[in-house]
Protein backbone atom coordinates (compact mmCIF):
# COMPACT_ATOMS: atom_id res chain seq x y z
CA MET A 1 21.89 -37.47 28.18
CA ASP A 2 21.78 -34.27 26.14
CA ASP A 3 19.60 -31.68 27.83
CA PHE A 4 18.35 -30.40 24.47
CA PRO A 5 16.20 -32.03 21.78
CA LEU A 6 17.74 -33.12 18.51
CA GLY A 7 16.30 -30.13 16.62
CA ARG A 8 17.94 -27.58 18.91
CA ALA A 9 20.92 -27.08 16.60
CA SER A 10 18.56 -26.24 13.74
CA PHE A 11 16.51 -23.82 15.84
CA ASP A 12 19.46 -22.12 17.48
CA PRO A 13 22.81 -23.14 15.99
CA PRO A 14 26.02 -22.33 17.88
CA PRO A 15 27.60 -18.92 17.14
CA PRO A 16 30.18 -20.11 14.55
CA ALA A 17 27.51 -21.87 12.47
CA ALA A 18 25.04 -19.01 12.88
CA GLY A 19 27.67 -16.49 11.82
CA ALA A 20 28.51 -18.48 8.71
CA LEU A 21 24.82 -18.75 7.86
CA TRP A 22 24.28 -15.00 8.19
CA ARG A 23 27.31 -14.32 5.98
CA HIS A 24 25.85 -16.67 3.38
CA VAL A 25 22.51 -14.84 3.49
CA THR A 26 24.03 -11.36 3.25
CA GLU A 27 26.24 -12.40 0.35
CA LEU A 28 23.27 -13.92 -1.44
CA LEU A 29 21.16 -10.78 -0.94
CA ALA A 30 24.00 -8.47 -1.97
CA ASP A 31 24.44 -10.48 -5.16
CA GLU A 32 20.70 -10.34 -5.82
CA ARG A 33 20.55 -6.56 -5.39
CA GLY A 34 23.62 -6.12 -7.56
CA SER A 35 22.55 -8.37 -10.41
CA ILE A 36 18.80 -7.80 -10.66
CA ALA A 37 19.05 -5.07 -13.33
CA GLY A 38 20.78 -7.48 -15.70
CA ARG A 39 18.01 -10.08 -15.56
CA ALA A 40 14.47 -10.24 -16.89
CA VAL A 41 11.81 -8.42 -14.91
CA SER A 42 9.65 -11.55 -15.03
CA ALA A 43 9.57 -14.96 -16.65
CA PRO A 44 6.81 -17.52 -17.29
CA ALA A 45 6.34 -19.99 -14.44
CA ASP A 46 5.62 -23.70 -14.93
CA ALA A 47 3.15 -24.45 -12.12
CA GLY A 48 3.73 -28.20 -12.27
CA ALA A 49 7.51 -27.98 -12.13
CA LEU A 50 7.31 -25.37 -9.38
CA ARG A 51 5.06 -27.53 -7.21
CA ALA A 52 7.26 -30.58 -7.78
CA ALA A 53 10.35 -28.71 -6.62
CA ILE A 54 8.60 -27.45 -3.50
CA GLU A 55 6.91 -30.74 -2.66
CA ALA A 56 10.31 -32.47 -2.72
CA TYR A 57 10.56 -31.11 0.83
CA ASP A 58 8.58 -33.66 2.83
CA PHE A 59 9.81 -32.21 6.14
CA GLU A 60 10.54 -35.67 7.54
CA ARG A 61 14.31 -35.17 7.65
CA PRO A 62 16.36 -32.06 8.35
CA ALA A 63 18.19 -30.42 5.48
CA ALA A 64 21.36 -28.34 5.35
CA PRO A 65 20.36 -24.70 5.93
CA GLU A 66 22.62 -23.15 3.28
CA ALA A 67 21.30 -25.58 0.68
CA VAL A 68 17.68 -24.83 1.56
CA ILE A 69 18.26 -21.08 1.50
CA GLY A 70 19.99 -21.32 -1.86
CA GLU A 71 17.24 -23.45 -3.38
CA VAL A 72 14.47 -21.15 -2.12
CA ALA A 73 16.34 -18.12 -3.46
CA ASP A 74 16.57 -19.83 -6.84
CA LEU A 75 12.82 -20.49 -6.80
CA LEU A 76 12.09 -16.86 -5.96
CA ARG A 77 14.52 -15.66 -8.59
CA GLU A 78 12.97 -17.82 -11.30
CA ALA A 79 9.28 -17.56 -10.40
CA THR A 80 8.60 -13.99 -9.31
CA VAL A 81 7.66 -10.71 -10.94
CA HIS A 82 10.68 -8.77 -9.73
CA THR A 83 9.25 -5.61 -8.23
CA THR A 84 12.81 -4.73 -7.18
CA HIS A 85 13.83 -4.35 -10.85
CA PRO A 86 14.46 -0.79 -12.13
CA ARG A 87 12.25 -1.50 -15.16
CA TYR A 88 9.29 -2.70 -13.11
CA PHE A 89 6.73 -0.03 -14.03
CA GLY A 90 3.84 -1.89 -12.47
CA LEU A 91 1.62 -1.56 -9.45
CA PHE A 92 2.58 0.17 -6.24
CA ASN A 93 5.21 -2.41 -5.27
CA PRO A 94 8.52 -0.62 -4.80
CA THR A 95 12.12 -1.66 -4.45
CA PRO A 96 12.54 -1.69 -0.66
CA THR A 97 15.24 0.41 0.95
CA LEU A 98 18.18 -1.41 2.44
CA MET A 99 17.32 0.05 5.84
CA GLY A 100 13.79 -1.26 5.42
CA ILE A 101 15.16 -4.75 4.96
CA VAL A 102 17.40 -4.30 8.01
CA GLY A 103 14.33 -3.09 9.93
CA GLU A 104 12.42 -6.25 9.03
CA THR A 105 15.35 -8.33 10.23
CA LEU A 106 15.64 -6.50 13.55
CA ALA A 107 11.88 -6.69 14.09
CA ALA A 108 11.96 -10.44 13.51
CA ALA A 109 15.02 -10.98 15.71
CA PHE A 110 13.81 -8.96 18.73
CA ASN A 111 10.20 -10.02 18.05
CA PRO A 112 8.46 -7.40 20.23
CA GLN A 113 4.78 -8.01 20.89
CA LEU A 114 2.88 -4.83 20.05
CA ALA A 115 -0.43 -5.67 21.67
CA ALA A 116 0.42 -4.01 24.98
CA TRP A 117 2.61 -0.94 25.51
CA SER A 118 4.17 -2.50 28.60
CA HIS A 119 5.49 -5.43 26.55
CA ALA A 120 7.15 -3.27 23.88
CA PRO A 121 7.63 0.30 25.12
CA ALA A 122 10.38 1.18 22.64
CA ALA A 123 8.53 -0.25 19.65
CA ALA A 124 5.22 1.36 20.65
CA GLU A 125 6.83 4.77 21.09
CA ILE A 126 8.73 4.53 17.79
CA GLU A 127 5.48 3.83 15.98
CA ALA A 128 3.63 6.60 17.81
CA HIS A 129 6.38 9.05 16.82
CA LEU A 130 6.11 7.96 13.18
CA LEU A 131 2.33 8.41 13.19
CA ARG A 132 2.70 11.93 14.59
CA PHE A 133 5.32 12.71 11.94
CA LEU A 134 3.21 11.41 9.05
CA GLY A 135 0.08 13.08 10.38
CA GLY A 136 1.93 16.35 10.78
CA ARG A 137 3.19 16.29 7.20
CA LEU A 138 -0.39 15.63 6.05
CA GLY A 139 -1.61 18.67 7.95
CA TYR A 140 -2.93 17.25 11.21
CA PRO A 141 -1.77 18.86 14.47
CA PRO A 142 0.92 16.32 15.47
CA GLU A 143 -0.03 16.35 19.14
CA ARG A 144 -3.56 15.23 18.24
CA VAL A 145 -2.64 12.39 15.89
CA ALA A 146 -3.90 8.93 16.83
CA GLY A 147 -3.92 5.74 14.81
CA SER A 148 -2.07 2.52 14.21
CA PHE A 149 0.16 0.67 11.81
CA THR A 150 -1.68 -2.00 9.86
CA SER A 151 -0.99 -4.90 7.53
CA GLY A 152 -1.79 -2.63 4.61
CA GLY A 153 -4.26 -0.17 3.14
CA ALA A 154 -7.18 -2.57 3.22
CA GLU A 155 -6.96 -2.98 7.00
CA ALA A 156 -6.43 0.75 7.49
CA ASN A 157 -9.45 1.53 5.32
CA MET A 158 -11.56 -1.03 7.16
CA THR A 159 -10.55 0.68 10.41
CA ALA A 160 -11.86 3.95 8.99
CA VAL A 161 -15.21 2.37 8.11
CA LEU A 162 -15.57 0.86 11.59
CA LEU A 163 -14.65 4.20 13.14
CA ALA A 164 -17.16 6.07 10.96
CA LEU A 165 -19.94 3.59 11.78
CA THR A 166 -19.21 3.84 15.49
CA ARG A 167 -19.19 7.63 15.42
CA ALA A 168 -22.41 7.82 13.40
CA TRP A 169 -24.25 5.25 15.52
CA PRO A 170 -22.67 4.57 18.93
CA ARG A 171 -24.91 1.52 19.43
CA TYR A 172 -23.44 -0.16 16.33
CA GLY A 173 -20.54 -1.48 18.39
CA THR A 174 -22.71 -3.38 20.85
CA GLU A 175 -25.90 -4.11 18.95
CA GLY A 176 -24.66 -4.25 15.38
CA LEU A 177 -26.64 -3.17 12.33
CA ARG A 178 -29.97 -4.00 13.99
CA ALA A 179 -29.48 -0.85 16.10
CA LEU A 180 -29.64 1.34 12.98
CA PRO A 181 -32.91 2.79 11.71
CA GLY A 182 -32.04 1.96 8.10
CA ARG A 183 -29.31 0.76 5.77
CA PRO A 184 -25.97 2.60 6.04
CA VAL A 185 -24.39 3.53 2.69
CA MET A 186 -20.96 4.82 1.77
CA TYR A 187 -19.53 6.54 -1.31
CA ALA A 188 -16.26 6.21 -3.20
CA SER A 189 -15.06 7.10 -6.67
CA ALA A 190 -15.59 4.61 -9.48
CA GLU A 191 -11.79 4.79 -9.83
CA SER A 192 -11.21 3.89 -6.17
CA HIS A 193 -9.65 0.66 -4.94
CA LEU A 194 -12.39 -1.96 -4.76
CA ALA A 195 -11.23 -3.22 -1.39
CA TRP A 196 -14.29 -1.20 -0.30
CA LEU A 197 -16.49 -4.07 -1.48
CA LYS A 198 -14.66 -6.57 0.74
CA ILE A 199 -14.78 -4.12 3.63
CA ALA A 200 -18.51 -3.62 3.22
CA HIS A 201 -18.95 -7.39 3.20
CA ALA A 202 -16.87 -7.84 6.35
CA THR A 203 -18.49 -5.01 8.32
CA GLY A 204 -21.96 -6.31 7.60
CA ILE A 205 -23.29 -3.33 5.67
CA GLY A 206 -23.17 -5.40 2.46
CA ARG A 207 -21.54 -4.80 -0.89
CA ASP A 208 -24.67 -3.11 -2.25
CA ALA A 209 -24.11 -0.36 0.33
CA VAL A 210 -21.05 0.87 -1.59
CA ARG A 211 -21.94 3.60 -4.06
CA LEU A 212 -19.32 4.00 -6.78
CA VAL A 213 -19.61 7.61 -7.92
CA PRO A 214 -18.79 8.48 -11.55
CA THR A 215 -15.75 10.61 -12.30
CA THR A 216 -14.93 13.70 -14.30
CA GLY A 217 -11.35 13.66 -15.52
CA LEU A 218 -10.91 10.49 -13.42
CA ARG A 219 -11.72 12.48 -10.24
CA MET A 220 -14.91 12.03 -8.24
CA ASP A 221 -17.81 14.07 -9.64
CA VAL A 222 -18.90 16.04 -6.57
CA PRO A 223 -22.23 17.33 -8.00
CA ASP A 224 -23.12 13.73 -8.90
CA LEU A 225 -22.21 12.66 -5.37
CA ALA A 226 -24.51 15.34 -3.94
CA ARG A 227 -27.38 14.09 -6.10
CA ARG A 228 -26.81 10.51 -4.97
CA LEU A 229 -26.75 11.53 -1.32
CA ALA A 230 -30.11 13.27 -1.72
CA ALA A 231 -31.61 10.34 -3.60
CA ASP A 232 -30.43 7.79 -1.03
CA ARG A 233 -31.79 9.83 1.85
CA ALA A 234 -35.13 10.17 0.05
CA ALA A 235 -35.19 6.39 -0.34
CA GLY A 236 -34.67 5.90 3.40
CA ASP A 237 -30.98 4.93 3.27
CA LEU A 238 -28.41 6.35 5.70
CA PRO A 239 -25.28 7.95 4.16
CA PHE A 240 -22.44 7.98 6.68
CA LEU A 241 -19.08 7.96 4.86
CA VAL A 242 -17.43 9.47 1.79
CA VAL A 243 -14.02 8.25 0.61
CA ALA A 244 -11.71 10.63 -1.20
CA THR A 245 -8.93 8.83 -3.04
CA ALA A 246 -5.59 10.63 -3.13
CA GLY A 247 -3.77 8.70 -5.81
CA THR A 248 -5.98 6.13 -7.53
CA THR A 249 -4.45 2.78 -8.38
CA ALA A 250 -5.18 2.96 -12.08
CA ALA A 251 -4.28 6.55 -12.87
CA GLY A 252 -2.88 8.31 -9.78
CA ALA A 253 -5.84 10.71 -9.78
CA ILE A 254 -6.54 12.83 -6.71
CA ASP A 255 -10.18 13.50 -5.88
CA PRO A 256 -11.23 17.14 -5.20
CA LEU A 257 -10.39 17.16 -1.52
CA HIS A 258 -11.60 20.62 -0.54
CA GLU A 259 -14.93 20.22 -2.35
CA LEU A 260 -15.53 16.88 -0.69
CA ALA A 261 -14.60 18.26 2.72
CA ASP A 262 -17.07 21.12 2.22
CA LEU A 263 -19.86 18.72 1.24
CA CYS A 264 -19.18 16.31 4.09
CA GLY A 265 -19.02 19.16 6.58
CA ASP A 266 -22.36 20.51 5.40
CA GLN A 267 -24.04 17.09 5.54
CA GLY A 268 -22.43 15.69 8.68
CA LEU A 269 -20.63 12.84 6.93
CA TRP A 270 -17.32 11.23 7.84
CA LEU A 271 -14.68 12.00 5.21
CA HIS A 272 -11.92 9.43 4.84
CA ALA A 273 -8.93 10.03 2.57
CA ASP A 274 -7.46 6.90 1.04
CA ALA A 275 -3.95 8.18 0.41
CA ALA A 276 -2.38 4.73 0.50
CA TYR A 277 -0.25 5.66 -2.51
CA GLY A 278 -0.39 9.42 -2.81
CA GLY A 279 0.09 10.22 0.86
CA ALA A 280 3.86 9.82 0.45
CA ALA A 281 3.83 13.08 -1.54
CA ALA A 282 3.45 14.93 1.77
CA LEU A 283 7.17 14.38 2.38
CA SER A 284 8.01 16.54 -0.65
CA ASP A 285 7.55 20.31 -0.39
CA ARG A 286 7.16 20.38 -4.17
CA LEU A 287 4.44 17.70 -4.36
CA ARG A 288 2.70 18.35 -1.05
CA PRO A 289 0.33 21.06 -2.43
CA ALA A 290 -1.32 18.37 -4.60
CA LEU A 291 -2.77 17.00 -1.35
CA SER A 292 -4.23 20.32 -0.20
CA GLY A 293 -7.43 19.63 1.70
CA ILE A 294 -6.42 16.22 2.98
CA GLU A 295 -5.92 17.75 6.42
CA ARG A 296 -9.70 18.27 6.52
CA ALA A 297 -10.39 14.52 6.34
CA ASP A 298 -11.53 12.80 9.52
CA SER A 299 -9.14 9.92 8.84
CA ILE A 300 -6.36 9.10 6.38
CA THR A 301 -4.78 5.89 5.10
CA VAL A 302 -1.10 5.82 4.10
CA ASP A 303 0.83 2.75 2.92
CA ALA A 304 4.55 2.93 3.59
CA HIS A 305 5.04 -0.18 1.45
CA LYS A 306 3.99 1.77 -1.62
CA TRP A 307 5.78 5.01 -2.48
CA LEU A 308 7.75 5.13 0.78
CA SER A 309 9.67 2.07 -0.39
CA VAL A 310 9.67 -0.25 2.60
CA PRO A 311 9.01 -4.00 2.48
CA MET A 312 5.47 -5.38 2.53
CA GLY A 313 3.32 -4.79 4.44
CA ALA A 314 3.15 -1.48 6.23
CA GLY A 315 -0.09 0.48 6.21
CA ALA A 316 -1.19 3.14 8.65
CA LEU A 317 -4.48 4.68 9.74
CA LEU A 318 -4.27 8.28 10.96
CA THR A 319 -6.96 10.36 12.66
CA THR A 320 -7.30 13.08 15.26
CA ASP A 321 -10.19 11.20 16.89
CA ALA A 322 -8.38 9.19 19.56
CA GLU A 323 -11.56 8.74 21.58
CA GLY A 324 -13.39 7.38 18.53
CA LEU A 325 -10.67 4.80 17.98
CA ALA A 326 -10.84 3.78 21.63
CA GLU A 327 -14.62 3.45 21.46
CA THR A 328 -14.32 1.32 18.33
CA PHE A 329 -11.73 -1.12 19.66
CA ARG A 330 -11.73 -0.85 23.45
CA VAL A 331 -11.83 -4.16 25.32
CA THR A 332 -10.59 -5.37 28.71
CA THR A 333 -9.59 -8.83 29.81
CA SER A 334 -7.70 -10.26 32.75
CA TYR A 335 -5.01 -11.98 30.72
CA MET A 336 -3.77 -8.72 29.20
CA PRO A 337 -1.40 -6.60 31.31
CA ALA A 338 -2.75 -3.47 32.98
CA GLY A 339 -2.40 -0.28 31.02
CA VAL A 340 0.40 2.18 31.78
CA PRO A 341 -0.74 5.76 32.56
CA GLU A 342 -0.39 8.25 29.69
CA THR A 343 0.21 5.51 27.13
CA VAL A 344 -2.03 3.64 24.68
CA ASP A 345 -2.09 -0.14 24.36
CA PRO A 346 -2.18 -0.79 20.60
CA TYR A 347 -4.70 -3.63 20.95
CA THR A 348 -7.25 -1.18 22.41
CA SER A 349 -7.07 1.18 19.44
CA SER A 350 -6.69 -1.12 16.45
CA GLN A 351 -8.12 -4.26 14.87
CA GLN A 352 -5.10 -6.41 15.65
CA TRP A 353 -3.92 -7.92 18.93
CA SER A 354 -0.63 -9.71 18.37
CA ARG A 355 1.31 -7.71 15.81
CA ARG A 356 4.85 -7.47 14.53
CA PHE A 357 6.88 -4.26 14.80
CA THR A 358 5.68 -2.92 11.45
CA GLY A 359 6.93 0.64 11.85
CA LEU A 360 10.62 -0.12 12.37
CA LYS A 361 11.43 -0.49 8.67
CA LEU A 362 9.99 2.96 8.00
CA PHE A 363 11.68 4.49 11.06
CA LEU A 364 15.13 3.28 9.99
CA SER A 365 14.57 4.33 6.38
CA LEU A 366 13.46 7.83 7.39
CA ALA A 367 16.16 8.21 10.03
CA VAL A 368 18.94 7.35 7.57
CA ALA A 369 17.66 9.05 4.41
CA GLY A 370 15.97 11.95 6.20
CA ARG A 371 12.85 13.63 4.91
CA SER A 372 15.08 15.55 2.52
CA GLY A 373 16.38 12.31 1.04
CA TYR A 374 12.87 11.01 0.57
CA ALA A 375 11.76 14.31 -0.95
CA GLU A 376 14.62 14.19 -3.44
CA GLN A 377 13.63 10.69 -4.51
CA LEU A 378 9.91 11.46 -4.77
CA ASP A 379 10.63 14.56 -6.85
CA ARG A 380 12.97 12.56 -9.07
CA ASP A 381 10.29 9.91 -9.64
CA ALA A 382 7.85 12.64 -10.67
CA GLU A 383 10.44 14.13 -13.05
CA LEU A 384 11.12 10.74 -14.62
CA ALA A 385 7.38 10.25 -15.14
CA GLY A 386 7.17 13.68 -16.75
CA GLY A 387 9.95 12.68 -19.12
CA LEU A 388 8.18 9.42 -19.88
CA ARG A 389 4.96 11.27 -20.76
CA ALA A 390 6.81 13.59 -23.12
CA LYS A 391 8.67 10.78 -24.87
CA LEU A 392 5.54 8.66 -25.28
CA ALA A 393 3.59 11.62 -26.66
CA ALA A 394 6.44 12.34 -29.11
CA ASP A 395 6.24 8.70 -30.22
CA GLY A 396 2.56 9.07 -31.07
CA TRP A 397 0.85 7.69 -27.97
CA ASP A 398 -2.10 9.44 -26.36
CA ILE A 399 -1.55 10.36 -22.69
CA VAL A 400 -4.90 9.71 -21.02
CA ASN A 401 -4.39 10.71 -17.39
CA ASP A 402 -3.40 13.92 -15.66
CA THR A 403 -1.70 13.71 -12.27
CA PRO A 404 1.31 15.19 -10.48
CA LEU A 405 2.12 11.67 -9.29
CA PRO A 406 4.39 9.37 -11.35
CA VAL A 407 1.66 7.24 -12.94
CA VAL A 408 1.57 7.43 -16.75
CA CYS A 409 -1.38 6.01 -18.69
CA PHE A 410 -1.12 5.99 -22.47
CA ALA A 411 -3.16 4.61 -25.37
CA ASP A 412 -2.54 3.63 -28.98
CA PRO A 413 -4.64 6.04 -31.06
CA GLY A 414 -4.52 3.61 -33.97
CA ASN A 415 -6.38 0.84 -32.14
CA GLY A 416 -8.46 1.62 -29.07
CA THR A 417 -9.64 -1.88 -28.22
CA TRP A 418 -9.04 -3.56 -24.89
CA GLU A 419 -7.76 -6.69 -26.66
CA HIS A 420 -5.08 -4.69 -28.45
CA HIS A 421 -3.80 -2.99 -25.30
CA GLU A 422 -3.94 -6.21 -23.31
CA ALA A 423 -1.89 -7.91 -26.03
CA LEU A 424 0.60 -5.03 -26.09
CA ALA A 425 1.15 -5.30 -22.34
CA ALA A 426 1.47 -9.08 -22.54
CA ARG A 427 4.09 -8.77 -25.29
CA VAL A 428 6.13 -6.31 -23.24
CA VAL A 429 5.96 -8.53 -20.16
CA ARG A 430 6.85 -11.69 -22.08
CA GLY A 431 9.94 -9.98 -23.44
CA GLY A 432 11.22 -9.59 -19.88
CA ARG A 433 12.72 -6.17 -20.52
CA ALA A 434 10.03 -4.23 -18.66
CA TRP A 435 6.75 -4.75 -16.82
CA ILE A 436 3.60 -2.71 -17.47
CA SER A 437 -0.11 -3.47 -17.28
CA PRO A 438 -3.28 -2.76 -19.25
CA VAL A 439 -5.95 -0.62 -17.62
CA ARG A 440 -9.41 0.78 -18.29
CA LEU A 441 -10.00 4.45 -17.52
CA ASP A 442 -13.56 5.71 -17.89
CA GLY A 443 -14.10 2.74 -20.18
CA ARG A 444 -11.11 3.55 -22.39
CA ALA A 445 -8.36 0.97 -22.86
CA ALA A 446 -4.82 2.08 -22.07
CA LEU A 447 -1.43 0.97 -20.84
CA ARG A 448 -0.19 1.93 -17.39
CA ALA A 449 3.39 2.61 -16.30
CA CYS A 450 4.31 3.78 -12.80
CA VAL A 451 7.76 4.96 -11.71
CA ILE A 452 7.87 3.23 -8.33
CA SER A 453 11.45 1.98 -7.90
CA HIS A 454 14.14 4.24 -6.49
CA ARG A 455 16.53 2.42 -8.84
CA THR A 456 14.75 3.55 -11.99
CA SER A 457 16.79 5.92 -14.16
CA SER A 458 16.25 7.87 -17.36
CA THR A 459 17.96 4.99 -19.17
CA ASP A 460 15.25 2.64 -17.91
CA VAL A 461 12.57 5.09 -19.04
CA ASP A 462 14.13 5.17 -22.51
CA ALA A 463 14.19 1.37 -22.57
CA LEU A 464 10.46 1.28 -21.77
CA VAL A 465 9.62 3.74 -24.55
CA GLU A 466 11.66 1.66 -27.02
CA THR A 467 10.04 -1.58 -25.83
CA VAL A 468 6.45 -0.40 -26.24
CA HIS A 469 7.34 1.22 -29.57
CA ARG A 470 8.63 -2.10 -30.91
CA ALA A 471 5.62 -3.98 -29.53
CA ARG A 472 3.25 -1.61 -31.33
CA ILE A 473 5.12 -1.96 -34.62
CA VAL A 474 5.00 -5.75 -34.46
CA MET A 475 1.27 -5.73 -33.71
CA THR A 476 0.29 -3.14 -36.32
């Protein structure tokens, strides 16, 4: 009798079959990367037809692997907004680096378990080195950097809130909100990412505890923040955290970091910098000054899967408060291996326990391109965005944001309604030649284009300008 179950060949095919399968996959991916620019950025999806094709797999009988891979690739090709396209000018979803894709593959194949250092020493040390590097570029003393890789910015930002709560009220960790003498409240720009509402819900402070501070020039109004802090304290509430956004989602705006650091220092508040997008600018000597003051934040979020161009998801939380992180997440149990002296078990300093090797895709990308290679690309993106602003302005559009980052927001001065700009964006997207989105900035309707793909060229920028020009003419 065969010693192995029938499914063994599917789980672990013999080397010749496995080799042929890998060649098939690499050829498919190489073709995809080579042909994407010649196809539409997106296409309408028929939900019914899509479900029918997927539900044809009843999982009762095995299928040929190459056929399944080919069919799934076809589904993804036909029913996806292609963020890997050079004319995707959308949200912070970049074309991943080739080394990032290789990193994901190696992480999956070796499958290290990053809960305990002793189970994955190499992986844990690679990630710790990356955190020190990123923290150092952002202005932290590298030897003091602590933190963790996360699933994305939302988890990193939630970590910052938990850390701030624990530092403000040490009993919060054991007794919860009932240990506090009042309601804790936090403050973020009205232009910030509204993941803060979900985080407030999850941490128990409640969504009403998030104060969205008005902006001036799309940046947090610091005098208004000071007034709100005073009013909340007078009402018996307990301010504990201010969030400075370094690269807002809608407009790429950077809050006044030094002013916020001064205010938080004077009032004893935790300052967190959400640099999920803009933090990448620290790798460029030319763009880095735009983040001046971020080194004064108590914690920082950076998302490598945004402007650092690695596959989803790869966030990171950075701080110099290693003891605060340990106090927030420390736990001991007999089924976890004993700690190794002079190392940190990731599960004792982060929200997650079992976790994939998230940092490898960034490590390989940085190691191969070098910081200089990244800096060249980041600077080029900013230059392309500058060219896009100039060409749109010359074509009669109003540029409605001001940022050193490659996010360009522009409005039709002939029709300022939301409906008009939403229809313009929809027309561009339906055409398949480019992808942009409508956005509201301080209540004003606009269109948003972000240079986020390292494949984008000046030719693609020209194509976008021509596409929105034609859309406006048709709709006038």
